[in-house]
Amino acid sequence: MPDLSRRGFIAAAIAAGTVRSLPTLASKVGGRRVLTLVYDKSLGMMRAVEKLVP
């Protein structure tokens, strides 16, 4: 298991929750998905952020 700080653990937990809830949200809401890569300083790496655009 990676050595995570408290901030890193919170960011990873939020990202995991988003991944679990996003498919159900996307099926209910129409629109286009925009995927962007952002640098997360707390994790020290890039992560994907998906936005729904009407």
C-alpha atoms as a PDB file:
ATOM      1  CA  MET A   1       0.000   0.000   0.000  1.00  0.00           C
ATOM      2  CA  PRO A   2       1.391   3.420  -0.901  1.00  0.00           C
ATOM      3  CA  ASP A   3       2.451   5.746   1.887  1.00  0.00           C
ATOM      4  CA  LEU A   4      -0.265   8.418   1.773  1.00  0.00           C
ATOM      5  CA  SER A   5      -0.457  11.597   3.790  1.00  0.00           C
ATOM      6  CA  ARG A   6      -3.809  12.657   5.177  1.00  0.00           C
ATOM      7  CA  ARG A   7      -4.318  15.076   2.277  1.00  0.00           C
ATOM      8  CA  GLY A   8      -3.424  12.375  -0.258  1.00  0.00           C
ATOM      9  CA  PHE A   9      -5.795   9.911   1.358  1.00  0.00           C
ATOM     10  CA  ILE A  10      -8.680  12.395   1.282  1.00  0.00           C
ATOM     11  CA  ALA A  11      -8.002  13.209  -2.390  1.00  0.00           C
ATOM     12  CA  ALA A  12      -7.859   9.512  -3.291  1.00  0.00           C
ATOM     13  CA  ALA A  13     -11.091   8.811  -1.401  1.00  0.00           C
ATOM     14  CA  ILE A  14     -12.911  11.656  -3.162  1.00  0.00           C
ATOM     15  CA  ALA A  15     -11.612  10.487  -6.547  1.00  0.00           C
ATOM     16  CA  ALA A  16     -12.785   6.932  -5.837  1.00  0.00           C
ATOM     17  CA  GLY A  17     -16.223   8.168  -4.799  1.00  0.00           C
ATOM     18  CA  THR A  18     -16.497  10.254  -7.952  1.00  0.00           C
ATOM     19  CA  VAL A  19     -15.583   7.289 -10.132  1.00  0.00           C
ATOM     20  CA  ARG A  20     -18.306   5.193  -8.486  1.00  0.00           C
ATOM     21  CA  SER A  21     -21.061   7.827  -8.728  1.00  0.00           C
ATOM     22  CA  LEU A  22     -20.277   9.305 -12.148  1.00  0.00           C
ATOM     23  CA  PRO A  23     -21.671   6.485 -14.359  1.00  0.00           C
ATOM     24  CA  THR A  24     -25.092   6.695 -12.675  1.00  0.00           C
ATOM     25  CA  LEU A  25     -25.053  10.476 -12.933  1.00  0.00           C
ATOM     26  CA  ALA A  26     -24.040  10.379 -16.610  1.00  0.00           C
ATOM     27  CA  SER A  27     -26.855   8.003 -17.526  1.00  0.00           C
ATOM     28  CA  LYS A  28     -29.467  10.345 -16.025  1.00  0.00           C
ATOM     29  CA  VAL A  29     -28.147  13.590 -17.498  1.00  0.00           C
ATOM     30  CA  GLY A  30     -27.757  14.158 -21.222  1.00  0.00           C
ATOM     31  CA  GLY A  31     -24.918  16.137 -22.690  1.00  0.00           C
ATOM     32  CA  ARG A  32     -21.331  15.863 -23.725  1.00  0.00           C
ATOM     33  CA  ARG A  33     -18.449  14.710 -21.567  1.00  0.00           C
ATOM     34  CA  VAL A  34     -15.233  16.710 -21.490  1.00  0.00           C
ATOM     35  CA  LEU A  35     -12.188  14.931 -20.085  1.00  0.00           C
ATOM     36  CA  THR A  36      -9.238  17.026 -18.923  1.00  0.00           C
ATOM     37  CA  LEU A  37      -5.998  16.088 -17.213  1.00  0.00           C
ATOM     38  CA  VAL A  38      -4.948  18.199 -14.240  1.00  0.00           C
ATOM     39  CA  TYR A  39      -1.921  18.074 -11.975  1.00  0.00           C
ATOM     40  CA  ASP A  40      -2.946  17.269  -8.407  1.00  0.00           C
ATOM     41  CA  LYS A  41      -0.334  18.678  -6.032  1.00  0.00           C
ATOM     42  CA  SER A  42      -1.618  16.643  -3.080  1.00  0.00           C
ATOM     43  CA  LEU A  43      -1.173  13.376  -4.997  1.00  0.00           C
ATOM     44  CA  GLY A  44       1.931  14.533  -6.849  1.00  0.00           C
ATOM     45  CA  MET A  45       0.667  13.260 -10.207  1.00  0.00           C
ATOM     46  CA  MET A  46      -1.784  13.873 -13.014  1.00  0.00           C
ATOM     47  CA  ARG A  47      -5.416  12.836 -12.693  1.00  0.00           C
ATOM     48  CA  ALA A  48      -8.397  12.906 -15.018  1.00  0.00           C
ATOM     49  CA  VAL A  49     -11.344  15.233 -14.381  1.00  0.00           C
ATOM     50  CA  GLU A  50     -14.550  14.600 -16.287  1.00  0.00           C
ATOM     51  CA  LYS A  51     -17.136  17.366 -16.733  1.00  0.00           C
ATOM     52  CA  LEU A  52     -20.608  17.059 -18.208  1.00  0.00           C
ATOM     53  CA  VAL A  53     -21.427  19.899 -20.603  1.00  0.00           C
ATOM     54  CA  PRO A  54     -25.073  20.347 -21.640  1.00  0.00           C
END
